[in-house]
């Protein structure tokens, strides 16, 4: 008596790597995107999920086969090893997140400002920025002074000029770091994997990006060179 043939199907990713094998007793109800690669009888076909390929994946989860002209082919050791290397898109995303966090830390760390008490430091945590905005608004509306304090200092009445100086310094500080970080992002988008390792917060920008940043800061009226 003639046996019915069981069909073998595979599913591939966007690089034609075979990620699944089904057929026979486990034939998917929806075969959209599946490719038939074989048919036959016996366990190799009826139970192809576990019997057709000699280990579909390596021990560390890398696909061992690819689909070439409709047929499964064992991938080379070089191809498999390349999959173990970090993807450039992932490296760039990680570096972007790292620089974004560093930029935020640099901004919130604040800046030094010369006041009537000498050189004082002012942090720019979220609450600091809210309080400083309120102080600047008050003096802009005519207040002669406003209660404020430098880091680690007792609150005192700052003059309108002092509040103005702290406010202007905070704007320049944030402008510098956000502009620098934006140019770091541009550097990251074009960097190779090896170049990404050398991109750190505070690193000197490539010549063209440094010129672009300086032009923007000059136009904005800010010439601070801090990092």
N, C-alpha and C. Protein backbone atom coordinates (compact mmCIF):
# COMPACT_ATOMS: atom_id res chain seq x y z
N UNK A 1 0.85 -1.19 0.00
CA UNK A 1 0.00 0.00 0.00
C UNK A 1 0.89 1.25 0.00
N UNK A 2 0.59 2.18 -0.91
CA UNK A 2 1.41 3.37 -1.03
C UNK A 2 1.18 4.31 0.14
N UNK A 3 2.26 4.79 0.73
CA UNK A 3 2.18 5.70 1.86
C UNK A 3 2.08 7.14 1.39
N UNK A 4 1.33 7.93 2.16
CA UNK A 4 1.26 9.35 1.86
C UNK A 4 2.60 10.01 2.20
N UNK A 5 3.01 10.92 1.35
CA UNK A 5 4.27 11.60 1.58
C UNK A 5 4.06 12.76 2.55
N UNK A 6 4.97 12.89 3.51
CA UNK A 6 4.94 14.02 4.44
C UNK A 6 5.86 15.10 3.90
N UNK A 7 5.38 16.33 3.92
CA UNK A 7 6.16 17.45 3.41
C UNK A 7 6.93 18.13 4.54
N UNK A 8 8.10 18.62 4.18
CA UNK A 8 8.95 19.30 5.15
C UNK A 8 9.01 20.78 4.79
N UNK A 9 8.77 21.64 5.80
CA UNK A 9 8.78 23.09 5.58
C UNK A 9 9.78 23.75 6.53
N UNK A 10 10.35 24.84 6.06
CA UNK A 10 11.24 25.62 6.93
C UNK A 10 10.82 27.08 6.91
N UNK A 11 11.18 27.76 8.00
CA UNK A 11 10.96 29.19 8.12
C UNK A 11 12.33 29.85 8.26
N UNK A 12 12.54 30.96 7.55
CA UNK A 12 13.84 31.64 7.60
C UNK A 12 13.69 33.06 8.12
N UNK A 13 14.82 33.62 8.54
CA UNK A 13 14.82 35.02 8.97
C UNK A 13 15.21 35.91 7.80
N UNK A 14 15.45 37.19 8.04
CA UNK A 14 15.76 38.12 6.96
C UNK A 14 17.13 37.91 6.35
N UNK A 15 17.92 36.99 6.92
CA UNK A 15 19.22 36.66 6.36
C UNK A 15 19.25 35.24 5.79
N UNK A 16 18.05 34.69 5.57
CA UNK A 16 17.88 33.35 5.00
C UNK A 16 18.38 32.23 5.91
N UNK A 17 18.59 32.54 7.18
CA UNK A 17 18.96 31.49 8.13
C UNK A 17 17.71 30.72 8.52
N UNK A 18 17.81 29.41 8.54
CA UNK A 18 16.66 28.57 8.87
C UNK A 18 16.46 28.59 10.39
N UNK A 19 15.27 29.04 10.80
CA UNK A 19 14.99 29.19 12.22
C UNK A 19 14.02 28.14 12.75
N UNK A 20 13.22 27.53 11.85
CA UNK A 20 12.29 26.49 12.29
C UNK A 20 12.11 25.46 11.18
N UNK A 21 11.78 24.26 11.57
CA UNK A 21 11.48 23.19 10.64
C UNK A 21 10.23 22.47 11.14
N UNK A 22 9.22 22.39 10.28
CA UNK A 22 7.97 21.72 10.65
C UNK A 22 7.47 20.92 9.44
N UNK A 23 6.51 20.05 9.70
CA UNK A 23 5.93 19.25 8.63
C UNK A 23 5.43 17.92 9.19
N UNK A 24 4.93 17.09 8.31
CA UNK A 24 4.42 15.80 8.77
C UNK A 24 3.35 15.98 9.82
N UNK A 25 3.57 15.41 11.01
CA UNK A 25 2.59 15.49 12.08
C UNK A 25 2.46 16.90 12.67
N UNK A 26 3.45 17.76 12.41
CA UNK A 26 3.43 19.10 13.01
C UNK A 26 3.34 20.20 11.94
N UNK A 27 2.71 19.88 10.81
CA UNK A 27 2.57 20.86 9.74
C UNK A 27 1.75 22.06 10.23
N UNK A 28 2.27 23.28 10.10
CA UNK A 28 1.53 24.47 10.54
C UNK A 28 0.22 24.64 9.77
N UNK A 29 -0.79 25.13 10.45
CA UNK A 29 -2.08 25.37 9.80
C UNK A 29 -1.96 26.48 8.77
N UNK A 30 -1.14 27.48 9.09
CA UNK A 30 -0.91 28.60 8.19
C UNK A 30 0.52 28.51 7.66
N UNK A 31 0.65 28.25 6.36
CA UNK A 31 1.98 28.06 5.77
C UNK A 31 2.54 29.33 5.12
N UNK A 32 1.94 30.47 5.45
CA UNK A 32 2.46 31.74 4.95
C UNK A 32 3.91 31.92 5.39
N UNK A 33 4.79 32.23 4.47
CA UNK A 33 6.24 32.45 4.70
C UNK A 33 7.03 31.16 4.88
N UNK A 34 6.35 30.02 4.93
CA UNK A 34 7.07 28.76 5.03
C UNK A 34 7.48 28.29 3.63
N UNK A 35 8.60 27.58 3.53
CA UNK A 35 9.09 27.08 2.26
C UNK A 35 9.22 25.57 2.33
N UNK A 36 8.62 24.89 1.36
CA UNK A 36 8.76 23.43 1.32
C UNK A 36 10.12 23.07 0.75
N UNK A 37 10.83 22.20 1.46
CA UNK A 37 12.17 21.84 1.01
C UNK A 37 12.31 20.35 0.67
N UNK A 38 11.32 19.54 1.08
CA UNK A 38 11.46 18.09 0.85
C UNK A 38 10.13 17.41 1.13
N UNK A 39 10.06 16.14 0.78
CA UNK A 39 8.91 15.31 1.15
C UNK A 39 9.36 13.85 1.14
N UNK A 40 8.68 13.05 1.94
CA UNK A 40 9.06 11.65 2.00
C UNK A 40 8.26 10.92 3.08
N UNK A 41 8.72 9.73 3.42
CA UNK A 41 8.04 8.93 4.42
C UNK A 41 9.01 8.58 5.55
N UNK A 42 8.45 8.16 6.67
CA UNK A 42 9.27 7.78 7.80
C UNK A 42 9.42 8.92 8.80
N UNK A 43 10.08 8.61 9.91
CA UNK A 43 10.21 9.59 11.01
C UNK A 43 10.93 10.87 10.57
N UNK A 44 11.88 10.75 9.65
CA UNK A 44 12.62 11.95 9.25
C UNK A 44 11.69 13.01 8.68
N UNK A 45 10.58 12.56 8.09
CA UNK A 45 9.63 13.48 7.47
C UNK A 45 8.40 13.69 8.36
N UNK A 46 7.91 12.62 8.97
CA UNK A 46 6.74 12.74 9.84
C UNK A 46 7.05 13.54 11.11
N UNK A 47 8.30 13.37 11.60
CA UNK A 47 8.75 14.07 12.81
C UNK A 47 9.93 14.98 12.48
N UNK A 48 9.79 15.71 11.39
CA UNK A 48 10.93 16.48 10.89
C UNK A 48 11.40 17.57 11.85
N UNK A 49 10.50 18.01 12.73
CA UNK A 49 10.88 19.04 13.70
C UNK A 49 12.12 18.64 14.48
N UNK A 50 12.24 17.36 14.80
CA UNK A 50 13.36 16.88 15.60
C UNK A 50 14.26 15.88 14.88
N UNK A 51 13.82 15.41 13.67
CA UNK A 51 14.58 14.37 13.00
C UNK A 51 15.21 14.79 11.67
N UNK A 52 14.77 15.88 11.07
CA UNK A 52 15.24 16.20 9.71
C UNK A 52 16.67 16.78 9.73
N UNK A 53 16.91 17.74 10.60
CA UNK A 53 18.24 18.37 10.67
C UNK A 53 19.05 17.80 11.83
N UNK A 54 20.35 17.73 11.60
CA UNK A 54 21.25 17.34 12.68
C UNK A 54 21.57 18.60 13.48
N UNK A 55 20.71 18.87 14.47
CA UNK A 55 20.84 20.06 15.32
C UNK A 55 20.67 21.34 14.49
N UNK A 56 19.49 21.91 14.55
CA UNK A 56 19.17 23.12 13.80
C UNK A 56 19.96 24.33 14.31
N UNK A 57 20.31 24.29 15.60
CA UNK A 57 21.06 25.39 16.22
C UNK A 57 22.32 24.89 16.89
N UNK A 58 23.30 25.77 17.02
CA UNK A 58 24.49 25.45 17.80
C UNK A 58 24.11 25.45 19.28
N UNK A 59 25.02 25.02 20.12
CA UNK A 59 24.74 24.97 21.56
C UNK A 59 24.44 26.35 22.14
N UNK A 60 24.98 27.41 21.50
CA UNK A 60 24.73 28.75 22.01
C UNK A 60 23.66 29.50 21.21
N UNK A 61 22.84 28.73 20.46
CA UNK A 61 21.65 29.31 19.84
C UNK A 61 21.82 29.97 18.49
N UNK A 62 22.89 29.63 17.74
CA UNK A 62 23.11 30.21 16.41
C UNK A 62 22.57 29.25 15.35
N UNK A 63 21.78 29.74 14.38
CA UNK A 63 21.27 28.85 13.32
C UNK A 63 22.42 28.22 12.54
N UNK A 64 22.35 26.89 12.32
CA UNK A 64 23.43 26.18 11.63
C UNK A 64 23.19 26.05 10.13
N UNK A 65 21.94 26.30 9.69
CA UNK A 65 21.60 26.11 8.28
C UNK A 65 21.02 27.39 7.67
N UNK A 66 21.17 27.50 6.35
CA UNK A 66 20.56 28.60 5.62
C UNK A 66 19.87 28.04 4.38
N UNK A 67 18.99 28.81 3.79
CA UNK A 67 18.27 28.38 2.59
C UNK A 67 18.91 29.05 1.38
N UNK A 68 19.39 28.23 0.45
CA UNK A 68 20.03 28.73 -0.77
C UNK A 68 19.32 28.11 -1.96
N UNK A 69 18.70 28.95 -2.77
CA UNK A 69 17.96 28.47 -3.95
C UNK A 69 16.95 27.39 -3.58
N UNK A 70 16.30 27.58 -2.45
CA UNK A 70 15.24 26.66 -2.05
C UNK A 70 15.71 25.40 -1.36
N UNK A 71 17.01 25.29 -1.13
CA UNK A 71 17.55 24.08 -0.48
C UNK A 71 18.33 24.46 0.77
N UNK A 72 18.24 23.63 1.83
CA UNK A 72 19.00 23.91 3.05
C UNK A 72 20.49 23.61 2.86
N UNK A 73 21.32 24.52 3.35
CA UNK A 73 22.77 24.36 3.24
C UNK A 73 23.38 24.64 4.60
N UNK A 74 24.36 23.82 5.00
CA UNK A 74 25.04 24.02 6.26
C UNK A 74 25.86 25.30 6.17
N UNK A 75 25.70 26.19 7.14
CA UNK A 75 26.44 27.44 7.15
C UNK A 75 27.90 27.19 7.53
N UNK A 76 28.79 28.04 7.02
CA UNK A 76 30.21 27.88 7.31
C UNK A 76 30.51 28.31 8.75
N UNK A 77 31.65 27.88 9.24
CA UNK A 77 32.08 28.27 10.59
C UNK A 77 32.27 29.79 10.67
N UNK A 78 32.73 30.38 9.56
CA UNK A 78 32.92 31.83 9.53
C UNK A 78 31.59 32.56 9.68
N UNK A 79 30.56 32.07 9.02
CA UNK A 79 29.24 32.69 9.12
C UNK A 79 28.68 32.57 10.53
N UNK A 80 28.84 31.39 11.10
CA UNK A 80 28.34 31.17 12.46
C UNK A 80 29.09 32.03 13.46
N UNK A 81 30.41 32.13 13.29
CA UNK A 81 31.20 32.94 14.20
C UNK A 81 30.83 34.42 14.09
N UNK A 82 30.52 34.87 12.87
CA UNK A 82 30.12 36.27 12.67
C UNK A 82 28.84 36.58 13.45
N UNK A 83 27.96 35.60 13.57
CA UNK A 83 26.71 35.81 14.33
C UNK A 83 26.98 35.98 15.81
N UNK A 84 28.12 35.51 16.25
CA UNK A 84 28.44 35.63 17.68
C UNK A 84 28.97 37.03 18.01
N UNK A 85 29.34 37.78 16.99
CA UNK A 85 29.85 39.12 17.21
C UNK A 85 28.67 40.09 17.38
N UNK A 86 28.83 41.10 18.23
CA UNK A 86 27.74 42.06 18.43
C UNK A 86 27.36 42.75 17.13
N UNK A 87 26.08 42.92 16.91
CA UNK A 87 25.58 43.61 15.74
C UNK A 87 25.90 45.10 15.85
N UNK A 88 26.32 45.71 14.73
CA UNK A 88 26.71 47.12 14.76
C UNK A 88 25.56 48.01 15.20
N UNK A 89 24.32 47.64 14.81
CA UNK A 89 23.17 48.44 15.23
C UNK A 89 22.99 48.38 16.74
N UNK A 90 23.23 47.20 17.32
CA UNK A 90 23.12 47.05 18.77
C UNK A 90 24.22 47.83 19.48
N UNK A 91 25.42 47.80 18.90
CA UNK A 91 26.54 48.54 19.49
C UNK A 91 26.27 50.04 19.47
N UNK A 92 25.72 50.52 18.36
CA UNK A 92 25.41 51.95 18.26
C UNK A 92 24.30 52.36 19.23
N UNK A 93 23.30 51.49 19.36
CA UNK A 93 22.20 51.79 20.28
C UNK A 93 22.71 51.85 21.72
N UNK A 94 23.60 50.93 22.07
CA UNK A 94 24.15 50.91 23.42
C UNK A 94 25.02 52.14 23.67
N UNK A 95 25.82 52.52 22.67
CA UNK A 95 26.69 53.69 22.83
C UNK A 95 25.84 54.96 22.92
N UNK A 96 24.77 55.03 22.15
CA UNK A 96 23.88 56.19 22.20
C UNK A 96 23.26 56.32 23.59
N UNK A 97 22.80 55.21 24.14
CA UNK A 97 22.20 55.23 25.48
C UNK A 97 23.25 55.64 26.52
N UNK A 98 24.47 55.15 26.36
CA UNK A 98 25.56 55.49 27.28
C UNK A 98 25.85 56.99 27.24
N UNK A 99 25.93 57.56 26.04
CA UNK A 99 26.22 58.99 25.91
C UNK A 99 25.05 59.85 26.39
N UNK A 100 23.84 59.38 26.18
CA UNK A 100 22.67 60.12 26.65
C UNK A 100 22.66 60.20 28.17
N UNK A 101 22.99 59.08 28.82
CA UNK A 101 23.04 59.06 30.29
C UNK A 101 24.16 59.96 30.80
N UNK A 102 25.30 59.94 30.10
CA UNK A 102 26.43 60.78 30.51
C UNK A 102 26.10 62.26 30.34
N UNK A 103 25.39 62.60 29.29
CA UNK A 103 24.98 63.98 29.05
C UNK A 103 24.05 64.45 30.16
N UNK A 104 23.09 63.62 30.50
CA UNK A 104 22.16 63.99 31.57
C UNK A 104 22.90 64.19 32.89
N UNK A 105 23.87 63.30 33.16
CA UNK A 105 24.65 63.41 34.39
C UNK A 105 25.47 64.70 34.41
N UNK A 106 26.02 65.05 33.24
CA UNK A 106 26.83 66.27 33.15
C UNK A 106 25.96 67.51 33.37
N UNK A 107 24.76 67.49 32.82
CA UNK A 107 23.86 68.64 32.98
C UNK A 107 23.44 68.78 34.44
N UNK A 108 23.00 67.70 35.04
CA UNK A 108 22.50 67.78 36.41
C UNK A 108 23.62 68.06 37.42
N UNK A 109 24.87 67.74 37.04
CA UNK A 109 25.99 68.03 37.93
C UNK A 109 26.15 69.53 38.13
N UNK A 110 25.67 70.32 37.17
CA UNK A 110 25.67 71.78 37.33
C UNK A 110 26.96 72.46 36.93
N UNK A 111 27.10 73.72 37.39
CA UNK A 111 28.21 74.56 36.94
C UNK A 111 28.60 75.56 38.02
N UNK A 112 29.78 76.12 37.88
CA UNK A 112 30.26 77.18 38.79
C UNK A 112 29.79 78.54 38.28
N UNK A 113 29.45 79.41 39.21
CA UNK A 113 29.03 80.77 38.86
C UNK A 113 29.66 81.73 39.87
N UNK A 114 30.13 82.86 39.37
CA UNK A 114 30.68 83.89 40.25
C UNK A 114 29.54 84.74 40.82
N UNK A 115 29.46 84.77 42.15
CA UNK A 115 28.43 85.56 42.83
C UNK A 115 29.11 86.55 43.77
N UNK A 116 28.32 87.22 44.57
CA UNK A 116 28.90 88.15 45.55
C UNK A 116 29.69 87.43 46.63
N UNK A 117 29.52 86.10 46.72
CA UNK A 117 30.24 85.32 47.71
C UNK A 117 31.50 84.66 47.14
N UNK A 118 31.76 84.91 45.86
CA UNK A 118 32.88 84.25 45.21
C UNK A 118 32.38 83.25 44.18
N UNK A 119 33.18 82.22 43.93
CA UNK A 119 32.77 81.18 42.99
C UNK A 119 31.97 80.12 43.74
N UNK A 120 30.73 79.93 43.31
CA UNK A 120 29.85 78.94 43.95
C UNK A 120 29.36 77.95 42.91
N UNK A 121 29.02 76.74 43.40
CA UNK A 121 28.56 75.70 42.48
C UNK A 121 27.05 75.52 42.62
N UNK A 122 26.40 75.31 41.47
CA UNK A 122 24.95 75.14 41.44
C UNK A 122 24.59 73.88 40.65
N UNK A 123 24.02 72.90 41.34
CA UNK A 123 23.56 71.69 40.67
C UNK A 123 22.29 71.98 39.89
N UNK A 124 22.01 71.14 38.91
CA UNK A 124 20.81 71.34 38.10
C UNK A 124 19.98 70.07 38.02
N UNK A 125 19.73 69.48 39.21
CA UNK A 125 18.76 68.40 39.26
C UNK A 125 17.40 68.96 38.86
N UNK A 126 16.44 68.09 38.62
CA UNK A 126 15.13 68.55 38.15
C UNK A 126 14.52 69.60 39.06
N UNK A 127 14.57 69.36 40.38
CA UNK A 127 13.99 70.33 41.31
C UNK A 127 14.78 71.64 41.30
N UNK A 128 16.12 71.55 41.12
CA UNK A 128 16.93 72.76 41.04
C UNK A 128 16.51 73.60 39.84
N UNK A 129 16.27 72.94 38.71
CA UNK A 129 15.90 73.66 37.51
C UNK A 129 14.53 74.33 37.67
N UNK A 130 13.62 73.63 38.35
CA UNK A 130 12.29 74.21 38.60
C UNK A 130 12.42 75.44 39.50
N UNK A 131 13.20 75.29 40.58
CA UNK A 131 13.37 76.41 41.52
C UNK A 131 14.07 77.59 40.85
N UNK A 132 15.07 77.30 40.03
CA UNK A 132 15.80 78.38 39.36
C UNK A 132 14.89 79.10 38.36
N UNK A 133 14.06 78.35 37.67
CA UNK A 133 13.12 78.97 36.73
C UNK A 133 12.18 79.92 37.46
N UNK A 134 11.71 79.49 38.64
CA UNK A 134 10.83 80.35 39.45
C UNK A 134 11.56 81.62 39.88
N UNK A 135 12.83 81.48 40.27
CA UNK A 135 13.62 82.63 40.72
C UNK A 135 13.85 83.61 39.57
N UNK A 136 14.22 83.08 38.41
CA UNK A 136 14.46 83.93 37.24
C UNK A 136 13.18 84.66 36.84
N UNK A 137 12.06 83.96 36.86
CA UNK A 137 10.77 84.58 36.51
C UNK A 137 10.45 85.72 37.46
N UNK A 138 10.72 85.49 38.74
CA UNK A 138 10.41 86.52 39.75
C UNK A 138 11.21 87.79 39.51
N UNK A 139 12.51 87.66 39.25
CA UNK A 139 13.32 88.87 39.04
C UNK A 139 12.99 89.53 37.70
N UNK A 140 12.60 88.71 36.71
CA UNK A 140 12.20 89.29 35.43
C UNK A 140 10.92 90.13 35.58
N UNK A 141 10.14 89.76 36.57
CA UNK A 141 8.89 90.49 36.82
C UNK A 141 9.08 91.65 37.78
N UNK A 142 10.35 91.91 38.17
CA UNK A 142 10.64 93.09 38.96
C UNK A 142 11.13 92.87 40.37
N UNK A 143 11.23 91.62 40.82
CA UNK A 143 11.71 91.37 42.18
C UNK A 143 13.16 91.80 42.31
N UNK A 144 13.50 92.43 43.42
CA UNK A 144 14.87 92.90 43.65
C UNK A 144 15.81 91.77 44.04
N UNK A 145 15.25 90.66 44.49
CA UNK A 145 16.04 89.51 44.89
C UNK A 145 15.15 88.30 45.05
N UNK A 146 15.77 87.16 45.36
CA UNK A 146 14.99 85.93 45.51
C UNK A 146 15.78 84.97 46.39
N UNK A 147 15.11 84.27 47.33
CA UNK A 147 15.82 83.29 48.18
C UNK A 147 16.33 82.11 47.34
N UNK A 148 17.61 81.84 47.44
CA UNK A 148 18.18 80.72 46.70
C UNK A 148 19.43 80.26 47.44
N UNK A 149 20.04 79.18 47.01
CA UNK A 149 21.27 78.72 47.66
C UNK A 149 22.15 77.96 46.69
N UNK A 150 23.44 78.07 46.89
CA UNK A 150 24.42 77.28 46.14
C UNK A 150 24.54 75.92 46.82
N UNK A 151 25.20 75.00 46.17
CA UNK A 151 25.36 73.65 46.73
C UNK A 151 26.05 73.73 48.09
N UNK A 152 25.46 73.09 49.07
CA UNK A 152 26.07 72.99 50.39
C UNK A 152 26.03 74.27 51.19
N UNK A 153 25.34 75.29 50.70
CA UNK A 153 25.30 76.57 51.39
C UNK A 153 23.90 76.85 51.95
N UNK A 154 23.87 77.69 52.98
CA UNK A 154 22.59 78.10 53.56
C UNK A 154 21.86 79.00 52.58
N UNK A 155 20.57 78.85 52.55
CA UNK A 155 19.76 79.69 51.67
C UNK A 155 19.93 81.16 52.09
N UNK A 156 20.08 82.03 51.08
CA UNK A 156 20.21 83.46 51.35
C UNK A 156 19.44 84.22 50.27
N UNK A 157 19.34 85.52 50.44
CA UNK A 157 18.66 86.34 49.45
C UNK A 157 19.65 86.70 48.34
N UNK A 158 19.44 86.14 47.19
CA UNK A 158 20.27 86.46 46.03
C UNK A 158 19.74 87.74 45.39
N UNK A 159 20.65 88.57 44.92
CA UNK A 159 20.23 89.77 44.21
C UNK A 159 19.68 89.39 42.85
N UNK A 160 18.95 90.30 42.24
CA UNK A 160 18.42 90.05 40.90
C UNK A 160 19.55 89.75 39.93
N UNK A 161 20.68 90.47 40.07
CA UNK A 161 21.81 90.25 39.18
C UNK A 161 22.40 88.85 39.37
N UNK A 162 22.47 88.40 40.62
CA UNK A 162 22.99 87.06 40.89
C UNK A 162 22.08 85.99 40.30
N UNK A 163 20.79 86.13 40.51
CA UNK A 163 19.83 85.17 39.94
C UNK A 163 19.95 85.17 38.41
N UNK A 164 20.08 86.35 37.83
CA UNK A 164 20.25 86.43 36.39
C UNK A 164 21.50 85.72 35.92
N UNK A 165 22.59 85.88 36.68
CA UNK A 165 23.85 85.23 36.31
C UNK A 165 23.76 83.71 36.39
N UNK A 166 23.12 83.22 37.45
CA UNK A 166 22.95 81.76 37.60
C UNK A 166 22.05 81.23 36.49
N UNK A 167 20.98 81.97 36.19
CA UNK A 167 20.07 81.55 35.13
C UNK A 167 20.76 81.49 33.79
N UNK A 168 21.53 82.52 33.45
CA UNK A 168 22.24 82.55 32.18
C UNK A 168 23.29 81.43 32.11
N UNK A 169 23.97 81.18 33.22
CA UNK A 169 24.97 80.12 33.25
C UNK A 169 24.33 78.75 33.05
N UNK A 170 23.15 78.57 33.62
CA UNK A 170 22.47 77.28 33.48
C UNK A 170 22.05 77.04 32.03
N UNK A 171 21.60 78.11 31.37
CA UNK A 171 21.19 77.99 29.96
C UNK A 171 22.39 77.64 29.09
N UNK A 172 23.51 78.32 29.31
CA UNK A 172 24.73 78.05 28.54
C UNK A 172 25.23 76.63 28.81
N UNK A 173 25.16 76.22 30.07
CA UNK A 173 25.60 74.88 30.48
C UNK A 173 24.79 73.80 29.77
N UNK A 174 23.48 73.94 29.80
CA UNK A 174 22.61 72.95 29.16
C UNK A 174 22.76 72.97 27.64
N UNK A 175 22.88 74.18 27.08
CA UNK A 175 23.04 74.30 25.63
C UNK A 175 24.31 73.59 25.17
N UNK A 176 25.39 73.82 25.90
CA UNK A 176 26.66 73.20 25.52
C UNK A 176 26.52 71.67 25.51
N UNK A 177 26.02 71.12 26.59
CA UNK A 177 25.98 69.66 26.71
C UNK A 177 24.98 69.01 25.76
N UNK A 178 23.83 69.63 25.56
CA UNK A 178 22.87 69.04 24.61
C UNK A 178 23.40 69.11 23.18
N UNK A 179 24.09 70.20 22.85
CA UNK A 179 24.67 70.33 21.51
C UNK A 179 25.81 69.34 21.32
N UNK A 180 26.65 69.22 22.33
CA UNK A 180 27.76 68.26 22.26
C UNK A 180 27.23 66.83 22.12
N UNK A 181 26.22 66.51 22.91
CA UNK A 181 25.65 65.16 22.86
C UNK A 181 25.03 64.88 21.50
N UNK A 182 24.35 65.86 20.92
CA UNK A 182 23.77 65.70 19.59
C UNK A 182 24.86 65.39 18.56
N UNK A 183 25.99 66.03 18.67
CA UNK A 183 27.09 65.78 17.74
C UNK A 183 27.76 64.43 18.01
N UNK A 184 27.76 64.01 19.27
CA UNK A 184 28.23 62.65 19.57
C UNK A 184 27.34 61.61 18.89
N UNK A 185 26.04 61.85 18.91
CA UNK A 185 25.10 60.93 18.26
C UNK A 185 25.39 60.83 16.77
N UNK A 186 25.69 61.97 16.13
CA UNK A 186 26.03 61.96 14.71
C UNK A 186 27.30 61.15 14.47
N UNK A 187 28.27 61.28 15.37
CA UNK A 187 29.52 60.52 15.28
C UNK A 187 29.23 59.03 15.42
N UNK A 188 28.39 58.67 16.37
CA UNK A 188 28.04 57.27 16.61
C UNK A 188 27.38 56.66 15.38
N UNK A 189 26.51 57.41 14.72
CA UNK A 189 25.77 56.86 13.57
C UNK A 189 26.69 56.49 12.41
N UNK A 190 27.85 57.12 12.32
CA UNK A 190 28.75 56.82 11.20
C UNK A 190 29.97 56.00 11.63
N UNK A 191 30.12 55.74 12.90
CA UNK A 191 31.31 55.04 13.41
C UNK A 191 31.25 53.54 13.14
N UNK A 192 32.42 52.94 12.94
CA UNK A 192 32.52 51.49 12.84
C UNK A 192 32.53 50.90 14.25
N UNK A 193 32.47 49.58 14.33
CA UNK A 193 32.47 48.92 15.63
C UNK A 193 33.72 49.25 16.42
N UNK A 194 34.87 49.27 15.76
CA UNK A 194 36.12 49.56 16.47
C UNK A 194 36.17 51.02 16.90
N UNK A 195 35.62 51.93 16.10
CA UNK A 195 35.63 53.35 16.43
C UNK A 195 34.70 53.65 17.61
N UNK A 196 33.61 52.89 17.72
CA UNK A 196 32.65 53.14 18.80
C UNK A 196 33.30 53.03 20.17
N UNK A 197 34.24 52.12 20.31
CA UNK A 197 34.89 51.91 21.60
C UNK A 197 35.62 53.17 22.06
N UNK A 198 36.06 54.00 21.12
CA UNK A 198 36.81 55.19 21.47
C UNK A 198 35.95 56.42 21.71
N UNK A 199 34.65 56.27 21.53
CA UNK A 199 33.75 57.41 21.75
C UNK A 199 33.33 57.44 23.21
N UNK A 200 33.79 58.44 23.92
CA UNK A 200 33.45 58.62 25.33
C UNK A 200 32.95 60.04 25.53
N UNK A 201 32.22 60.25 26.61
CA UNK A 201 31.73 61.59 26.87
C UNK A 201 32.90 62.47 27.30
N UNK A 202 33.12 63.52 26.55
CA UNK A 202 34.27 64.38 26.77
C UNK A 202 35.33 64.21 25.71
N UNK A 203 35.17 63.19 24.83
CA UNK A 203 36.14 62.97 23.76
C UNK A 203 36.09 64.13 22.77
N UNK A 204 37.22 64.41 22.15
CA UNK A 204 37.27 65.46 21.14
C UNK A 204 36.54 65.00 19.89
N UNK A 205 35.65 65.82 19.38
CA UNK A 205 34.87 65.47 18.20
C UNK A 205 35.75 65.46 16.95
N UNK A 206 35.37 64.67 15.93
CA UNK A 206 36.06 64.76 14.64
C UNK A 206 35.99 66.20 14.13
N UNK A 207 36.92 66.57 13.29
CA UNK A 207 37.08 67.97 12.88
C UNK A 207 35.79 68.59 12.34
N UNK A 208 35.08 67.88 11.46
CA UNK A 208 33.88 68.46 10.86
C UNK A 208 32.77 68.65 11.89
N UNK A 209 32.63 67.72 12.81
CA UNK A 209 31.60 67.83 13.84
C UNK A 209 31.97 68.91 14.86
N UNK A 210 33.24 69.02 15.17
CA UNK A 210 33.69 70.07 16.10
C UNK A 210 33.40 71.45 15.52
N UNK A 211 33.65 71.61 14.20
CA UNK A 211 33.39 72.90 13.55
C UNK A 211 31.90 73.21 13.54
N UNK A 212 31.09 72.20 13.29
CA UNK A 212 29.64 72.38 13.29
C UNK A 212 29.15 72.81 14.66
N UNK A 213 29.63 72.16 15.69
CA UNK A 213 29.21 72.49 17.05
C UNK A 213 29.62 73.90 17.42
N UNK A 214 30.87 74.26 17.11
CA UNK A 214 31.35 75.59 17.46
C UNK A 214 30.55 76.68 16.75
N UNK A 215 30.18 76.42 15.49
CA UNK A 215 29.39 77.39 14.74
C UNK A 215 28.02 77.59 15.38
N UNK A 216 27.41 76.50 15.83
CA UNK A 216 26.10 76.60 16.48
C UNK A 216 26.18 77.38 17.79
N UNK A 217 27.21 77.06 18.60
CA UNK A 217 27.35 77.75 19.88
C UNK A 217 27.65 79.23 19.68
N UNK A 218 28.43 79.53 18.67
CA UNK A 218 28.75 80.94 18.38
C UNK A 218 27.49 81.70 17.97
N UNK A 219 26.69 81.08 17.11
CA UNK A 219 25.44 81.70 16.68
C UNK A 219 24.48 81.91 17.85
N UNK A 220 24.54 80.96 18.79
CA UNK A 220 23.64 81.05 19.95
C UNK A 220 24.19 81.99 21.01
N UNK A 221 25.42 82.47 20.81
CA UNK A 221 26.01 83.39 21.76
C UNK A 221 26.65 82.73 22.94
N UNK A 222 26.92 81.41 22.82
CA UNK A 222 27.55 80.68 23.91
C UNK A 222 28.90 80.17 23.44
N UNK A 223 29.94 80.48 24.18
CA UNK A 223 31.29 80.05 23.78
C UNK A 223 31.94 79.15 24.81
N UNK A 224 31.17 78.69 25.80
CA UNK A 224 31.75 77.83 26.83
C UNK A 224 32.36 76.59 26.22
N UNK A 225 33.49 76.16 26.74
CA UNK A 225 34.17 74.98 26.20
C UNK A 225 34.18 73.84 27.18
N UNK A 226 33.24 73.83 28.10
CA UNK A 226 33.24 72.79 29.14
C UNK A 226 32.78 71.45 28.60
N UNK A 227 33.15 70.37 29.29
CA UNK A 227 32.62 69.03 29.08
C UNK A 227 32.55 68.37 30.43
